[in-house]
């Protein structure tokens, strides 16, 4: 099976978060270069970045869409809870402080 590179980033924690998003969407991935940072100097830094690989073209397309949607969510403005007056990141569906649903409060909903 031919694997396809889907995502790479210099920080392992970011790559593992993206892998978690893919798993939640039912997309299997393989993490590569997890321990390659020690080879920087022998390798160019970008060649040692952690990478996510998927097994099929369909998984690559679906995975790219999952990651794109996540990035778009990061670009949304934060929302203010009308119940407890706490500010919450756009990616939160519930208020971190009181648990109120964001869907009831976000201006675009």
PDB file of N, CA and C in Angstrom:
ATOM      1  N   UNK A   1       0.850  -1.177   0.000  1.00  0.00           N
ATOM      2  CA  UNK A   1       0.000   0.000   0.000  1.00  0.00           C
ATOM      3  C   UNK A   1       0.898   1.243   0.000  1.00  0.00           C
ATOM      4  N   UNK A   2       0.546   2.206  -0.835  1.00  0.00           N
ATOM      5  CA  UNK A   2       1.285   3.447  -0.923  1.00  0.00           C
ATOM      6  C   UNK A   2       0.733   4.429   0.106  1.00  0.00           C
ATOM      7  N   UNK A   3       1.597   4.892   0.983  1.00  0.00           N
ATOM      8  CA  UNK A   3       1.197   5.872   1.997  1.00  0.00           C
ATOM      9  C   UNK A   3       1.339   7.275   1.417  1.00  0.00           C
ATOM     10  N   UNK A   4       0.521   8.193   1.952  1.00  0.00           N
ATOM     11  CA  UNK A   4       0.544   9.584   1.502  1.00  0.00           C
ATOM     12  C   UNK A   4       0.789  10.507   2.691  1.00  0.00           C
ATOM     13  N   UNK A   5       1.718  11.439   2.522  1.00  0.00           N
ATOM     14  CA  UNK A   5       1.982  12.432   3.554  1.00  0.00           C
ATOM     15  C   UNK A   5       0.808  13.401   3.600  1.00  0.00           C
ATOM     16  N   UNK A   6       0.225  13.578   4.784  1.00  0.00           N
ATOM     17  CA  UNK A   6      -0.915  14.469   4.938  1.00  0.00           C
ATOM     18  C   UNK A   6      -0.549  15.753   5.683  1.00  0.00           C
ATOM     19  N   UNK A   7       0.322  15.631   6.692  1.00  0.00           N
ATOM     20  CA  UNK A   7       0.570  16.796   7.553  1.00  0.00           C
ATOM     21  C   UNK A   7       1.942  16.683   8.186  1.00  0.00           C
ATOM     22  N   UNK A   8       2.601  17.837   8.342  1.00  0.00           N
ATOM     23  CA  UNK A   8       3.886  17.907   9.012  1.00  0.00           C
ATOM     24  C   UNK A   8       3.981  19.245   9.737  1.00  0.00           C
ATOM     25  N   UNK A   9       4.673  19.235  10.868  1.00  0.00           N
ATOM     26  CA  UNK A   9       4.823  20.456  11.673  1.00  0.00           C
ATOM     27  C   UNK A   9       6.069  20.270  12.537  1.00  0.00           C
ATOM     28  N   UNK A  10       6.769  21.352  12.886  1.00  0.00           N
ATOM     29  CA  UNK A  10       7.986  21.190  13.684  1.00  0.00           C
ATOM     30  C   UNK A  10       7.744  20.722  15.119  1.00  0.00           C
ATOM     31  N   UNK A  11       6.519  20.883  15.631  1.00  0.00           N
ATOM     32  CA  UNK A  11       6.254  20.503  17.015  1.00  0.00           C
ATOM     33  C   UNK A  11       5.431  19.207  17.075  1.00  0.00           C
ATOM     34  N   UNK A  12       5.954  18.216  17.762  1.00  0.00           N
ATOM     35  CA  UNK A  12       5.297  16.920  17.879  1.00  0.00           C
ATOM     36  C   UNK A  12       3.911  17.039  18.503  1.00  0.00           C
ATOM     37  N   UNK A  13       3.746  17.919  19.488  1.00  0.00           N
ATOM     38  CA  UNK A  13       2.452  18.049  20.151  1.00  0.00           C
ATOM     39  C   UNK A  13       1.368  18.491  19.166  1.00  0.00           C
ATOM     40  N   UNK A  14       1.695  19.325  18.208  1.00  0.00           N
ATOM     41  CA  UNK A  14       0.724  19.770  17.205  1.00  0.00           C
ATOM     42  C   UNK A  14       0.365  18.602  16.284  1.00  0.00           C
ATOM     43  N   UNK A  15       1.353  17.838  15.877  1.00  0.00           N
ATOM     44  CA  UNK A  15       1.111  16.700  14.989  1.00  0.00           C
ATOM     45  C   UNK A  15       0.248  15.649  15.691  1.00  0.00           C
ATOM     46  N   UNK A  16       0.502  15.398  16.963  1.00  0.00           N
ATOM     47  CA  UNK A  16      -0.314  14.417  17.680  1.00  0.00           C
ATOM     48  C   UNK A  16      -1.745  14.921  17.871  1.00  0.00           C
ATOM     49  N   UNK A  17      -1.931  16.227  18.018  1.00  0.00           N
ATOM     50  CA  UNK A  17      -3.288  16.765  18.099  1.00  0.00           C
ATOM     51  C   UNK A  17      -4.014  16.561  16.771  1.00  0.00           C
ATOM     52  N   UNK A  18      -3.336  16.794  15.659  1.00  0.00           N
ATOM     53  CA  UNK A  18      -3.948  16.581  14.351  1.00  0.00           C
ATOM     54  C   UNK A  18      -4.270  15.098  14.151  1.00  0.00           C
ATOM     55  N   UNK A  19      -3.403  14.235  14.645  1.00  0.00           N
ATOM     56  CA  UNK A  19      -3.662  12.795  14.546  1.00  0.00           C
ATOM     57  C   UNK A  19      -4.915  12.423  15.326  1.00  0.00           C
ATOM     58  N   UNK A  20      -5.088  13.022  16.483  1.00  0.00           N
ATOM     59  CA  UNK A  20      -6.283  12.774  17.286  1.00  0.00           C
ATOM     60  C   UNK A  20      -7.544  13.207  16.532  1.00  0.00           C
ATOM     61  N   UNK A  21      -7.492  14.344  15.859  1.00  0.00           N
ATOM     62  CA  UNK A  21      -8.635  14.801  15.063  1.00  0.00           C
ATOM     63  C   UNK A  21      -8.963  13.804  13.954  1.00  0.00           C
ATOM     64  N   UNK A  22      -7.935  13.285  13.314  1.00  0.00           N
ATOM     65  CA  UNK A  22      -8.157  12.295  12.259  1.00  0.00           C
ATOM     66  C   UNK A  22      -8.787  11.024  12.826  1.00  0.00           C
ATOM     67  N   UNK A  23      -8.284  10.567  13.969  1.00  0.00           N
ATOM     68  CA  UNK A  23      -8.838   9.364  14.591  1.00  0.00           C
ATOM     69  C   UNK A  23     -10.300   9.559  14.953  1.00  0.00           C
ATOM     70  N   UNK A  24     -10.655  10.743  15.457  1.00  0.00           N
ATOM     71  CA  UNK A  24     -12.054  11.034  15.789  1.00  0.00           C
ATOM     72  C   UNK A  24     -12.937  10.971  14.548  1.00  0.00           C
ATOM     73  N   UNK A  25     -12.371  11.265  13.390  1.00  0.00           N
ATOM     74  CA  UNK A  25     -13.110  11.212  12.127  1.00  0.00           C
ATOM     75  C   UNK A  25     -13.056   9.820  11.494  1.00  0.00           C
ATOM     76  N   UNK A  26     -12.427   8.872  12.183  1.00  0.00           N
ATOM     77  CA  UNK A  26     -12.340   7.506  11.669  1.00  0.00           C
ATOM     78  C   UNK A  26     -11.269   7.304  10.628  1.00  0.00           C
ATOM     79  N   UNK A  27     -10.271   8.174  10.598  1.00  0.00           N
ATOM     80  CA  UNK A  27      -9.185   8.087   9.620  1.00  0.00           C
ATOM     81  C   UNK A  27      -7.926   7.597  10.326  1.00  0.00           C
ATOM     82  N   UNK A  28      -7.432   6.440   9.899  1.00  0.00           N
ATOM     83  CA  UNK A  28      -6.217   5.891  10.469  1.00  0.00           C
ATOM     84  C   UNK A  28      -5.002   6.616   9.886  1.00  0.00           C
ATOM     85  N   UNK A  29      -4.018   6.884  10.735  1.00  0.00           N
ATOM     86  CA  UNK A  29      -2.809   7.552  10.265  1.00  0.00           C
ATOM     87  C   UNK A  29      -1.601   6.926  10.942  1.00  0.00           C
ATOM     88  N   UNK A  30      -0.472   7.182  10.363  1.00  0.00           N
ATOM     89  CA  UNK A  30       0.802   6.698  10.902  1.00  0.00           C
ATOM     90  C   UNK A  30       1.674   7.904  11.216  1.00  0.00           C
ATOM     91  N   UNK A  31       2.226   7.940  12.413  1.00  0.00           N
ATOM     92  CA  UNK A  31       3.123   9.015  12.828  1.00  0.00           C
ATOM     93  C   UNK A  31       4.550   8.607  12.490  1.00  0.00           C
ATOM     94  N   UNK A  32       5.230   9.464  11.768  1.00  0.00           N
ATOM     95  CA  UNK A  32       6.629   9.209  11.396  1.00  0.00           C
ATOM     96  C   UNK A  32       7.499  10.358  11.893  1.00  0.00           C
ATOM     97  N   UNK A  33       8.774  10.091  12.044  1.00  0.00           N
ATOM     98  CA  UNK A  33       9.778  11.065  12.494  1.00  0.00           C
ATOM     99  C   UNK A  33       9.525  11.528  13.931  1.00  0.00           C
ATOM    100  N   UNK A  34       8.865  10.712  14.707  1.00  0.00           N
ATOM    101  CA  UNK A  34       8.536  11.072  16.085  1.00  0.00           C
ATOM    102  C   UNK A  34       9.794  11.396  16.896  1.00  0.00           C
ATOM    103  N   UNK A  35      10.865  10.681  16.631  1.00  0.00           N
ATOM    104  CA  UNK A  35      12.101  10.865  17.402  1.00  0.00           C
ATOM    105  C   UNK A  35      13.251  11.394  16.545  1.00  0.00           C
ATOM    106  N   UNK A  36      12.934  11.970  15.402  1.00  0.00           N
ATOM    107  CA  UNK A  36      13.976  12.397  14.463  1.00  0.00           C
ATOM    108  C   UNK A  36      14.642  13.710  14.825  1.00  0.00           C
ATOM    109  N   UNK A  37      14.110  14.438  15.797  1.00  0.00           N
ATOM    110  CA  UNK A  37      14.695  15.739  16.148  1.00  0.00           C
ATOM    111  C   UNK A  37      16.166  15.609  16.532  1.00  0.00           C
ATOM    112  N   UNK A  38      16.536  14.494  17.089  1.00  0.00           N
ATOM    113  CA  UNK A  38      17.934  14.276  17.464  1.00  0.00           C
ATOM    114  C   UNK A  38      18.870  14.182  16.271  1.00  0.00           C
ATOM    115  N   UNK A  39      18.306  13.990  15.082  1.00  0.00           N
ATOM    116  CA  UNK A  39      19.130  13.871  13.879  1.00  0.00           C
ATOM    117  C   UNK A  39      19.359  15.209  13.188  1.00  0.00           C
ATOM    118  N   UNK A  40      18.767  16.280  13.733  1.00  0.00           N
ATOM    119  CA  UNK A  40      18.971  17.599  13.120  1.00  0.00           C
ATOM    120  C   UNK A  40      20.466  17.926  13.205  1.00  0.00           C
ATOM    121  N   UNK A  41      20.997  18.323  12.122  1.00  0.00           N
ATOM    122  CA  UNK A  41      22.441  18.526  11.978  1.00  0.00           C
ATOM    123  C   UNK A  41      22.946  17.536  10.942  1.00  0.00           C
ATOM    124  N   UNK A  42      22.491  16.292  11.078  1.00  0.00           N
ATOM    125  CA  UNK A  42      22.751  15.281  10.048  1.00  0.00           C
ATOM    126  C   UNK A  42      21.706  15.419   8.941  1.00  0.00           C
ATOM    127  N   UNK A  43      20.504  15.841   9.343  1.00  0.00           N
ATOM    128  CA  UNK A  43      19.396  16.087   8.414  1.00  0.00           C
ATOM    129  C   UNK A  43      19.033  17.572   8.465  1.00  0.00           C
ATOM    130  N   UNK A  44      18.444  18.050   7.402  1.00  0.00           N
ATOM    131  CA  UNK A  44      17.890  19.407   7.435  1.00  0.00           C
ATOM    132  C   UNK A  44      16.751  19.415   8.448  1.00  0.00           C
ATOM    133  N   UNK A  45      16.562  20.505   9.193  1.00  0.00           N
ATOM    134  CA  UNK A  45      15.502  20.534  10.210  1.00  0.00           C
ATOM    135  C   UNK A  45      14.133  20.123   9.684  1.00  0.00           C
ATOM    136  N   UNK A  46      13.758  20.576   8.497  1.00  0.00           N
ATOM    137  CA  UNK A  46      12.434  20.236   7.968  1.00  0.00           C
ATOM    138  C   UNK A  46      12.305  18.738   7.689  1.00  0.00           C
ATOM    139  N   UNK A  47      13.390  18.074   7.392  1.00  0.00           N
ATOM    140  CA  UNK A  47      13.363  16.633   7.134  1.00  0.00           C
ATOM    141  C   UNK A  47      13.180  15.823   8.414  1.00  0.00           C
ATOM    142  N   UNK A  48      13.322  16.470   9.559  1.00  0.00           N
ATOM    143  CA  UNK A  48      13.160  15.790  10.840  1.00  0.00           C
ATOM    144  C   UNK A  48      11.824  16.128  11.512  1.00  0.00           C
ATOM    145  N   UNK A  49      10.997  16.918  10.855  1.00  0.00           N
ATOM    146  CA  UNK A  49       9.695  17.264  11.443  1.00  0.00           C
ATOM    147  C   UNK A  49       8.820  16.026  11.568  1.00  0.00           C
ATOM    148  N   UNK A  50       8.058  15.914  12.628  1.00  0.00           N
ATOM    149  CA  UNK A  50       7.080  14.818  12.736  1.00  0.00           C
ATOM    150  C   UNK A  50       6.066  14.920  11.595  1.00  0.00           C
ATOM    151  N   UNK A  51       5.627  13.764  11.104  1.00  0.00           N
ATOM    152  CA  UNK A  51       4.730  13.717   9.956  1.00  0.00           C
ATOM    153  C   UNK A  51       3.572  12.760  10.208  1.00  0.00           C
ATOM    154  N   UNK A  52       2.427  13.057   9.594  1.00  0.00           N
ATOM    155  CA  UNK A  52       1.277  12.156   9.585  1.00  0.00           C
ATOM    156  C   UNK A  52       1.084  11.630   8.175  1.00  0.00           C
ATOM    157  N   UNK A  53       1.013  10.327   8.067  1.00  0.00           N
ATOM    158  CA  UNK A  53       0.814   9.672   6.785  1.00  0.00           C
ATOM    159  C   UNK A  53      -0.478   8.875   6.840  1.00  0.00           C
ATOM    160  N   UNK A  54      -1.196   8.833   5.713  1.00  0.00           N
ATOM    161  CA  UNK A  54      -2.419   8.041   5.600  1.00  0.00           C
ATOM    162  C   UNK A  54      -2.261   7.058   4.455  1.00  0.00           C
ATOM    163  N   UNK A  55      -3.133   6.036   4.456  1.00  0.00           N
ATOM    164  CA  UNK A  55      -2.952   4.926   3.524  1.00  0.00           C
ATOM    165  C   UNK A  55      -3.641   5.024   2.186  1.00  0.00           C
ATOM    166  N   UNK A  56      -4.676   5.829   2.069  1.00  0.00           N
ATOM    167  CA  UNK A  56      -5.404   5.877   0.798  1.00  0.00           C
ATOM    168  C   UNK A  56      -5.622   7.315   0.339  1.00  0.00           C
ATOM    169  N   UNK A  57      -5.901   7.450  -0.937  1.00  0.00           N
ATOM    170  CA  UNK A  57      -6.202   8.776  -1.490  1.00  0.00           C
ATOM    171  C   UNK A  57      -7.475   9.332  -0.858  1.00  0.00           C
ATOM    172  N   UNK A  58      -8.457   8.464  -0.614  1.00  0.00           N
ATOM    173  CA  UNK A  58      -9.703   8.892   0.034  1.00  0.00           C
ATOM    174  C   UNK A  58      -9.425   9.412   1.442  1.00  0.00           C
ATOM    175  N   UNK A  59      -8.585   8.691   2.195  1.00  0.00           N
ATOM    176  CA  UNK A  59      -8.219   9.154   3.536  1.00  0.00           C
ATOM    177  C   UNK A  59      -7.471  10.485   3.477  1.00  0.00           C
ATOM    178  N   UNK A  60      -6.649  10.658   2.464  1.00  0.00           N
ATOM    179  CA  UNK A  60      -5.911  11.924   2.316  1.00  0.00           C
ATOM    180  C   UNK A  60      -6.875  13.072   2.055  1.00  0.00           C
ATOM    181  N   UNK A  61      -7.869  12.855   1.205  1.00  0.00           N
ATOM    182  CA  UNK A  61      -8.849  13.906   0.908  1.00  0.00           C
ATOM    183  C   UNK A  61      -9.711  14.213   2.124  1.00  0.00           C
ATOM    184  N   UNK A  62     -10.219  13.160   2.768  1.00  0.00           N
ATOM    185  CA  UNK A  62     -11.054  13.366   3.957  1.00  0.00           C
ATOM    186  C   UNK A  62     -10.248  13.990   5.086  1.00  0.00           C
ATOM    187  N   UNK A  63      -9.016  13.529   5.259  1.00  0.00           N
ATOM    188  CA  UNK A  63      -8.155  14.060   6.309  1.00  0.00           C
ATOM    189  C   UNK A  63      -7.817  15.523   6.092  1.00  0.00           C
ATOM    190  N   UNK A  64      -7.549  15.887   4.848  1.00  0.00           N
ATOM    191  CA  UNK A  64      -7.260  17.291   4.535  1.00  0.00           C
ATOM    192  C   UNK A  64      -8.467  18.159   4.865  1.00  0.00           C
ATOM    193  N   UNK A  65      -9.665  17.657   4.623  1.00  0.00           N
ATOM    194  CA  UNK A  65     -10.884  18.416   4.932  1.00  0.00           C
ATOM    195  C   UNK A  65     -11.062  18.560   6.446  1.00  0.00           C
ATOM    196  N   UNK A  66     -10.794  17.492   7.198  1.00  0.00           N
ATOM    197  CA  UNK A  66     -10.886  17.552   8.659  1.00  0.00           C
ATOM    198  C   UNK A  66      -9.931  18.609   9.210  1.00  0.00           C
ATOM    199  N   UNK A  67      -8.696  18.597   8.747  1.00  0.00           N
ATOM    200  CA  UNK A  67      -7.703  19.559   9.223  1.00  0.00           C
ATOM    201  C   UNK A  67      -8.043  20.980   8.780  1.00  0.00           C
ATOM    202  N   UNK A  68      -8.598  21.130   7.579  1.00  0.00           N
ATOM    203  CA  UNK A  68      -9.010  22.449   7.098  1.00  0.00           C
ATOM    204  C   UNK A  68     -10.139  23.006   7.970  1.00  0.00           C
ATOM    205  N   UNK A  69     -11.123  22.174   8.282  1.00  0.00           N
ATOM    206  CA  UNK A  69     -12.234  22.618   9.131  1.00  0.00           C
ATOM    207  C   UNK A  69     -11.745  23.018  10.515  1.00  0.00           C
ATOM    208  N   UNK A  70     -10.790  22.272  11.046  1.00  0.00           N
ATOM    209  CA  UNK A  70     -10.229  22.608  12.349  1.00  0.00           C
ATOM    210  C   UNK A  70      -9.529  23.971  12.296  1.00  0.00           C
ATOM    211  N   UNK A  71      -8.751  24.203  11.246  1.00  0.00           N
ATOM    212  CA  UNK A  71      -8.053  25.480  11.098  1.00  0.00           C
ATOM    213  C   UNK A  71      -9.044  26.631  10.966  1.00  0.00           C
ATOM    214  N   UNK A  72     -10.130  26.418  10.225  1.00  0.00           N
ATOM    215  CA  UNK A  72     -11.148  27.456  10.079  1.00  0.00           C
ATOM    216  C   UNK A  72     -11.794  27.769  11.426  1.00  0.00           C
ATOM    217  N   UNK A  73     -11.969  26.749  12.247  1.00  0.00           N
ATOM    218  CA  UNK A  73     -12.547  26.948  13.572  1.00  0.00           C
ATOM    219  C   UNK A  73     -11.610  27.790  14.435  1.00  0.00           C
ATOM    220  N   UNK A  74     -10.314  27.605  14.281  1.00  0.00           N
ATOM    221  CA  UNK A  74      -9.344  28.397  15.042  1.00  0.00           C
ATOM    222  C   UNK A  74      -9.390  29.868  14.643  1.00  0.00           C
ATOM    223  N   UNK A  75      -9.789  30.126  13.409  1.00  0.00           N
ATOM    224  CA  UNK A  75      -9.835  31.500  12.901  1.00  0.00           C
ATOM    225  C   UNK A  75     -11.095  32.251  13.314  1.00  0.00           C
ATOM    226  N   UNK A  76     -12.078  31.547  13.904  1.00  0.00           N
ATOM    227  CA  UNK A  76     -13.309  32.204  14.338  1.00  0.00           C
ATOM    228  C   UNK A  76     -13.050  33.028  15.593  1.00  0.00           C
ATOM    229  N   UNK A  77     -13.852  34.068  15.806  1.00  0.00           N
ATOM    230  CA  UNK A  77     -13.657  34.877  17.015  1.00  0.00           C
ATOM    231  C   UNK A  77     -14.124  34.136  18.270  1.00  0.00           C
ATOM    232  N   UNK A  78     -13.520  34.482  19.388  1.00  0.00           N
ATOM    233  CA  UNK A  78     -13.952  33.925  20.668  1.00  0.00           C
ATOM    234  C   UNK A  78     -15.383  34.369  20.949  1.00  0.00           C
ATOM    235  N   UNK A  79     -16.055  33.675  21.869  1.00  0.00           N
ATOM    236  CA  UNK A  79     -17.415  34.061  22.221  1.00  0.00           C
ATOM    237  C   UNK A  79     -17.519  34.323  23.719  1.00  0.00           C
ATOM    238  N   UNK A  80     -18.465  35.171  24.065  1.00  0.00           N
ATOM    239  CA  UNK A  80     -18.662  35.608  25.448  1.00  0.00           C
ATOM    240  C   UNK A  80     -19.909  34.928  26.010  1.00  0.00           C
ATOM    241  N   UNK A  81     -19.768  34.269  27.138  1.00  0.00           N
ATOM    242  CA  UNK A  81     -20.896  33.581  27.766  1.00  0.00           C
ATOM    243  C   UNK A  81     -21.817  34.602  28.430  1.00  0.00           C
ATOM    244  N   UNK A  82     -23.068  34.590  28.034  1.00  0.00           N
ATOM    245  CA  UNK A  82     -24.054  35.509  28.589  1.00  0.00           C
ATOM    246  C   UNK A  82     -24.469  35.111  30.012  1.00  0.00           C
ATOM    247  N   UNK A  83     -24.237  33.846  30.371  1.00  0.00           N
ATOM    248  CA  UNK A  83     -24.642  33.358  31.695  1.00  0.00           C
ATOM    249  C   UNK A  83     -23.652  33.758  32.793  1.00  0.00           C
ATOM    250  N   UNK A  84     -22.355  33.531  32.536  1.00  0.00           N
ATOM    251  CA  UNK A  84     -21.363  33.800  33.586  1.00  0.00           C
ATOM    252  C   UNK A  84     -20.360  34.886  33.191  1.00  0.00           C
ATOM    253  N   UNK A  85     -20.493  35.387  31.973  1.00  0.00           N
ATOM    254  CA  UNK A  85     -19.653  36.485  31.466  1.00  0.00           C
ATOM    255  C   UNK A  85     -18.187  36.098  31.287  1.00  0.00           C
ATOM    256  N   UNK A  86     -17.936  34.820  31.019  1.00  0.00           N
ATOM    257  CA  UNK A  86     -16.573  34.353  30.726  1.00  0.00           C
ATOM    258  C   UNK A  86     -16.340  34.362  29.222  1.00  0.00           C
ATOM    259  N   UNK A  87     -15.103  34.609  28.823  1.00  0.00           N
ATOM    260  CA  UNK A  87     -14.733  34.518  27.422  1.00  0.00           C
ATOM    261  C   UNK A  87     -14.274  33.101  27.123  1.00  0.00           C
ATOM    262  N   UNK A  88     -14.672  32.596  25.954  1.00  0.00           N
ATOM    263  CA  UNK A  88     -14.375  31.223  25.557  1.00  0.00           C
ATOM    264  C   UNK A  88     -13.805  31.191  24.148  1.00  0.00           C
ATOM    265  N   UNK A  89     -12.856  30.278  23.882  1.00  0.00           N
ATOM    266  CA  UNK A  89     -12.351  30.123  22.518  1.00  0.00           C
ATOM    267  C   UNK A  89     -13.475  29.665  21.587  1.00  0.00           C
ATOM    268  N   UNK A  90     -13.382  30.033  20.330  1.00  0.00           N
ATOM    269  CA  UNK A  90     -14.398  29.663  19.348  1.00  0.00           C
ATOM    270  C   UNK A  90     -14.552  28.154  19.227  1.00  0.00           C
ATOM    271  N   UNK A  91     -13.507  27.413  19.505  1.00  0.00           N
ATOM    272  CA  UNK A  91     -13.556  25.955  19.372  1.00  0.00           C
ATOM    273  C   UNK A  91     -14.330  25.276  20.500  1.00  0.00           C
ATOM    274  N   UNK A  92     -14.669  26.019  21.559  1.00  0.00           N
ATOM    275  CA  UNK A  92     -15.412  25.428  22.677  1.00  0.00           C
ATOM    276  C   UNK A  92     -16.901  25.414  22.346  1.00  0.00           C
ATOM    277  N   UNK A  93     -17.527  24.254  22.514  1.00  0.00           N
ATOM    278  CA  UNK A  93     -18.972  24.140  22.324  1.00  0.00           C
ATOM    279  C   UNK A  93     -19.736  24.463  23.596  1.00  0.00           C
ATOM    280  N   UNK A  94     -19.028  24.460  24.708  1.00  0.00           N
ATOM    281  CA  UNK A  94     -19.622  24.721  26.017  1.00  0.00           C
ATOM    282  C   UNK A  94     -18.730  25.709  26.755  1.00  0.00           C
ATOM    283  N   UNK A  95     -19.327  26.542  27.583  1.00  0.00           N
ATOM    284  CA  UNK A  95     -18.549  27.486  28.379  1.00  0.00           C
ATOM    285  C   UNK A  95     -17.638  26.720  29.329  1.00  0.00           C
ATOM    286  N   UNK A  96     -16.388  27.098  29.373  1.00  0.00           N
ATOM    287  CA  UNK A  96     -15.421  26.418  30.243  1.00  0.00           C
ATOM    288  C   UNK A  96     -15.759  26.638  31.705  1.00  0.00           C
ATOM    289  N   UNK A  97     -16.440  27.717  32.031  1.00  0.00           N
ATOM    290  CA  UNK A  97     -16.685  28.090  33.415  1.00  0.00           C
ATOM    291  C   UNK A  97     -18.010  27.550  33.955  1.00  0.00           C
ATOM    292  N   UNK A  98     -19.112  27.740  33.197  1.00  0.00           N
ATOM    293  CA  UNK A  98     -20.435  27.364  33.716  1.00  0.00           C
ATOM    294  C   UNK A  98     -21.096  26.232  32.950  1.00  0.00           C
ATOM    295  N   UNK A  99     -20.558  25.855  31.799  1.00  0.00           N
ATOM    296  CA  UNK A  99     -21.122  24.749  31.033  1.00  0.00           C
ATOM    297  C   UNK A  99     -22.273  25.118  30.120  1.00  0.00           C
ATOM    298  N   UNK A 100     -22.576  26.394  29.973  1.00  0.00           N
ATOM    299  CA  UNK A 100     -23.656  26.815  29.078  1.00  0.00           C
ATOM    300  C   UNK A 100     -23.277  26.503  27.633  1.00  0.00           C
ATOM    301  N   UNK A 101     -24.266  26.134  26.837  1.00  0.00           N
ATOM    302  CA  UNK A 101     -24.032  25.771  25.440  1.00  0.00           C
ATOM    303  C   UNK A 101     -23.693  27.009  24.608  1.00  0.00           C
ATOM    304  N   UNK A 102     -22.671  26.891  23.796  1.00  0.00           N
ATOM    305  CA  UNK A 102     -22.259  27.995  22.936  1.00  0.00           C
ATOM    306  C   UNK A 102     -23.277  28.252  21.839  1.00  0.00           C
ATOM    307  N   UNK A 103     -23.913  27.211  21.338  1.00  0.00           N
ATOM    308  CA  UNK A 103     -24.859  27.354  20.234  1.00  0.00           C
ATOM    309  C   UNK A 103     -25.994  28.310  20.578  1.00  0.00           C
ATOM    310  N   UNK A 104     -26.313  28.410  21.834  1.00  0.00           N
ATOM    311  CA  UNK A 104     -27.383  29.304  22.252  1.00  0.00           C
ATOM    312  C   UNK A 104     -26.914  30.758  22.316  1.00  0.00           C
ATOM    313  N   UNK A 105     -25.599  30.992  22.241  1.00  0.00           N
ATOM    314  CA  UNK A 105     -25.055  32.316  22.493  1.00  0.00           C
ATOM    315  C   UNK A 105     -24.262  32.908  21.344  1.00  0.00           C
ATOM    316  N   UNK A 106     -23.682  32.086  20.495  1.00  0.00           N
ATOM    317  CA  UNK A 106     -22.864  32.611  19.416  1.00  0.00           C
ATOM    318  C   UNK A 106     -23.732  33.415  18.461  1.00  0.00           C
ATOM    319  N   UNK A 107     -23.282  34.582  18.061  1.00  0.00           N
ATOM    320  CA  UNK A 107     -24.086  35.445  17.200  1.00  0.00           C
ATOM    321  C   UNK A 107     -24.383  34.849  15.839  1.00  0.00           C
ATOM    322  N   UNK A 108     -23.537  33.932  15.319  1.00  0.00           N
ATOM    323  CA  UNK A 108     -23.760  33.372  14.000  1.00  0.00           C
ATOM    324  C   UNK A 108     -24.681  32.169  14.028  1.00  0.00           C
ATOM    325  N   UNK A 109     -25.182  31.781  15.197  1.00  0.00           N
ATOM    326  CA  UNK A 109     -26.081  30.627  15.300  1.00  0.00           C
ATOM    327  C   UNK A 109     -27.493  31.061  15.572  1.00  0.00           C
TER     328      UNK A 109
END
